[in-house]
C-alpha atoms as a PDB file:
ATOM      1  CA  MET A   1      -0.058   0.165   0.051  1.00  0.00           C
ATOM      2  CA  SER A   2       1.380   3.136  -1.211  1.00  0.00           C
ATOM      3  CA  LEU A   3       0.984   6.485   0.692  1.00  0.00           C
ATOM      4  CA  VAL A   4       1.477   8.528  -2.405  1.00  0.00           C
ATOM      5  CA  PRO A   5      -1.763   9.056  -4.468  1.00  0.00           C
ATOM      6  CA  SER A   6      -1.649   7.309  -7.740  1.00  0.00           C
ATOM      7  CA  SER A   7      -3.356  10.056  -9.474  1.00  0.00           C
ATOM      8  CA  PRO A   8      -1.717  11.151 -12.969  1.00  0.00           C
ATOM      9  CA  CYS A   9      -1.698  14.647 -11.714  1.00  0.00           C
ATOM     10  CA  VAL A  10       0.983  14.148  -8.828  1.00  0.00           C
ATOM     11  CA  ARG A  11       4.244  14.411 -10.238  1.00  0.00           C
ATOM     12  CA  SER A  12       6.993  12.572  -8.695  1.00  0.00           C
ATOM     13  CA  ARG A  13      10.030  14.270  -6.917  1.00  0.00           C
ATOM     14  CA  PRO A  14      12.826  13.295  -9.390  1.00  0.00           C
ATOM     15  CA  SER A  15      10.377  14.570 -12.286  1.00  0.00           C
ATOM     16  CA  ARG A  16       9.894  17.810 -10.423  1.00  0.00           C
ATOM     17  CA  TYR A  17      13.580  18.362  -9.832  1.00  0.00           C
ATOM     18  CA  ALA A  18      14.136  17.507 -13.659  1.00  0.00           C
ATOM     19  CA  ALA A  19      11.384  20.199 -14.551  1.00  0.00           C
ATOM     20  CA  PHE A  20      12.952  22.735 -12.059  1.00  0.00           C
ATOM     21  CA  ALA A  21      16.456  22.174 -13.423  1.00  0.00           C
ATOM     22  CA  THR A  22      15.263  22.288 -17.234  1.00  0.00           C
ATOM     23  CA  VAL A  23      13.541  25.359 -16.713  1.00  0.00           C
ATOM     24  CA  GLY A  24      16.724  27.091 -14.846  1.00  0.00           C
ATOM     25  CA  ALA A  25      18.887  25.937 -17.833  1.00  0.00           C
ATOM     26  CA  PHE A  26      16.905  27.505 -20.403  1.00  0.00           C
ATOM     27  CA  GLY A  27      16.267  30.241 -18.196  1.00  0.00           C
ATOM     28  CA  PHE A  28      19.864  30.823 -18.357  1.00  0.00           C
ATOM     29  CA  VAL A  29      19.967  30.273 -21.911  1.00  0.00           C
ATOM     30  CA  VAL A  30      17.511  33.249 -22.501  1.00  0.00           C
ATOM     31  CA  GLN A  31      19.455  35.568 -20.030  1.00  0.00           C
ATOM     32  CA  ILE A  32      22.951  34.826 -21.446  1.00  0.00           C
ATOM     33  CA  GLY A  33      21.234  35.060 -25.141  1.00  0.00           C
ATOM     34  CA  SER A  34      19.008  38.314 -24.639  1.00  0.00           C
ATOM     35  CA  LEU A  35      22.519  39.780 -23.117  1.00  0.00           C
ATOM     36  CA  ALA A  36      24.724  39.170 -25.753  1.00  0.00           C
ATOM     37  CA  VAL A  37      21.862  40.254 -28.550  1.00  0.00           C
ATOM     38  CA  LEU A  38      21.076  43.539 -26.340  1.00  0.00           C
ATOM     39  CA  MET A  39      24.853  44.285 -26.306  1.00  0.00           C
ATOM     40  CA  SER A  40      26.035  43.436 -29.925  1.00  0.00           C
ATOM     41  CA  VAL A  41      23.086  44.122 -31.994  1.00  0.00           C
ATOM     42  CA  ALA A  42      21.013  46.790 -30.195  1.00  0.00           C
ATOM     43  CA  HIS A  43      24.330  48.405 -28.651  1.00  0.00           C
ATOM     44  CA  CYS A  44      22.846  48.745 -25.241  1.00  0.00           C
ATOM     45  CA  GLY A  45      25.167  49.645 -22.266  1.00  0.00           C
ATOM     46  CA  TRP A  46      25.891  46.559 -20.183  1.00  0.00           C
ATOM     47  CA  LEU A  47      23.953  47.686 -17.335  1.00  0.00           C
ATOM     48  CA  PRO A  48      20.392  48.421 -19.140  1.00  0.00           C
ATOM     49  CA  ALA A  49      21.231  44.971 -21.052  1.00  0.00           C
ATOM     50  CA  THR A  50      21.657  43.232 -17.839  1.00  0.00           C
ATOM     51  CA  LEU A  51      18.694  44.269 -16.054  1.00  0.00           C
ATOM     52  CA  ILE A  52      16.570  43.654 -19.240  1.00  0.00           C
ATOM     53  CA  SER A  53      17.909  40.136 -19.693  1.00  0.00           C
ATOM     54  CA  VAL A  54      17.470  39.186 -15.953  1.00  0.00           C
ATOM     55  CA  GLU A  55      13.910  40.099 -16.262  1.00  0.00           C
ATOM     56  CA  LEU A  56      13.581  38.183 -19.540  1.00  0.00           C
ATOM     57  CA  ALA A  57      14.950  35.473 -17.626  1.00  0.00           C
ATOM     58  CA  VAL A  58      12.926  35.652 -14.617  1.00  0.00           C
ATOM     59  CA  LEU A  59       9.579  36.040 -16.597  1.00  0.00           C
ATOM     60  CA  HIS A  60      10.674  32.950 -18.578  1.00  0.00           C
ATOM     61  CA  ASN A  61      10.976  30.856 -15.573  1.00  0.00           C
ATOM     62  CA  PHE A  62       7.831  32.221 -13.703  1.00  0.00           C
ATOM     63  CA  PHE A  63       5.770  31.320 -16.953  1.00  0.00           C
ATOM     64  CA  TRP A  64       7.465  27.768 -17.341  1.00  0.00           C
ATOM     65  CA  HIS A  65       7.644  26.929 -13.791  1.00  0.00           C
ATOM     66  CA  GLU A  66       3.499  27.957 -13.726  1.00  0.00           C
ATOM     67  CA  ARG A  67       3.006  25.681 -17.029  1.00  0.00           C
ATOM     68  CA  TRP A  68       5.209  22.717 -16.078  1.00  0.00           C
ATOM     69  CA  THR A  69       7.265  22.381 -12.891  1.00  0.00           C
ATOM     70  CA  TRP A  70       4.297  23.137 -10.646  1.00  0.00           C
ATOM     71  CA  SER A  71       1.184  22.537 -12.954  1.00  0.00           C
ATOM     72  CA  ASP A  72      -0.381  19.819 -10.731  1.00  0.00           C
ATOM     73  CA  GLN A  73      -0.237  22.728  -7.750  1.00  0.00           C
ATOM     74  CA  ALA A  74      -2.390  25.000 -10.023  1.00  0.00           C
ATOM     75  CA  SER A  75      -6.404  25.359  -9.754  1.00  0.00           C
ATOM     76  CA  ALA A  76      -8.520  25.249 -12.909  1.00  0.00           C
ATOM     77  CA  PHE A  77      -9.224  29.063 -13.078  1.00  0.00           C
ATOM     78  CA  VAL A  78      -6.418  31.721 -11.911  1.00  0.00           C
ATOM     79  CA  THR A  79      -7.669  35.138 -11.444  1.00  0.00           C
ATOM     80  CA  PRO A  80      -5.102  37.788 -12.942  1.00  0.00           C
ATOM     81  CA  LEU A  81      -4.754  39.308  -9.562  1.00  0.00           C
ATOM     82  CA  ALA A  82      -3.593  35.950  -8.219  1.00  0.00           C
ATOM     83  CA  LEU A  83      -1.197  35.540 -10.908  1.00  0.00           C
ATOM     84  CA  LEU A  84       0.297  38.784 -10.506  1.00  0.00           C
ATOM     85  CA  HIS A  85       0.572  38.147  -6.672  1.00  0.00           C
ATOM     86  CA  ARG A  86       2.424  34.661  -7.099  1.00  0.00           C
ATOM     87  CA  LEU A  87       4.691  36.820 -10.115  1.00  0.00           C
ATOM     88  CA  VAL A  88       5.479  39.457  -7.328  1.00  0.00           C
ATOM     89  CA  ARG A  89       6.336  36.553  -4.715  1.00  0.00           C
ATOM     90  CA  PHE A  90       8.349  34.877  -7.549  1.00  0.00           C
ATOM     91  CA  HIS A  91      10.409  38.100  -8.154  1.00  0.00           C
ATOM     92  CA  VAL A  92      11.001  38.447  -4.403  1.00  0.00           C
ATOM     93  CA  GLY A  93      12.257  34.958  -3.762  1.00  0.00           C
ATOM     94  CA  ASN A  94      14.469  35.390  -6.843  1.00  0.00           C
ATOM     95  CA  GLY A  95      15.772  38.537  -5.413  1.00  0.00           C
ATOM     96  CA  LEU A  96      16.211  37.406  -2.054  1.00  0.00           C
ATOM     97  CA  THR A  97      18.219  34.386  -3.311  1.00  0.00           C
ATOM     98  CA  SER A  98      20.396  36.349  -5.446  1.00  0.00           C
ATOM     99  CA  LEU A  99      21.184  38.740  -2.912  1.00  0.00           C
ATOM    100  CA  GLY A 100      22.268  35.934  -0.439  1.00  0.00           C
ATOM    101  CA  ALA A 101      24.070  33.919  -2.888  1.00  0.00           C
ATOM    102  CA  PRO A 102      27.901  34.194  -2.452  1.00  0.00           C
ATOM    103  CA  GLY A 103      29.798  35.145  -5.371  1.00  0.00           C
END
């Protein structure tokens, strides 16, 4: 007898970790790629290009975590205000993690 429900909506821990890591890896590609394009093609300075590329990566990661990593946690209907609230929390969490990271 298993304590874990056998529902297809419940994602196993290893697949959630894989989804989380995959989203993060693609977010890194989005950030580095957009930084390169903004600096070399659009001739942005390093600071505005960095700010824009980080924001693009954070939005990318939020979207894909909502749609894939945590999709089994979401309700069928999400109000725009609830989605905005989660986006703000995601930004704050990313910012605090970035500030607390060594290096």
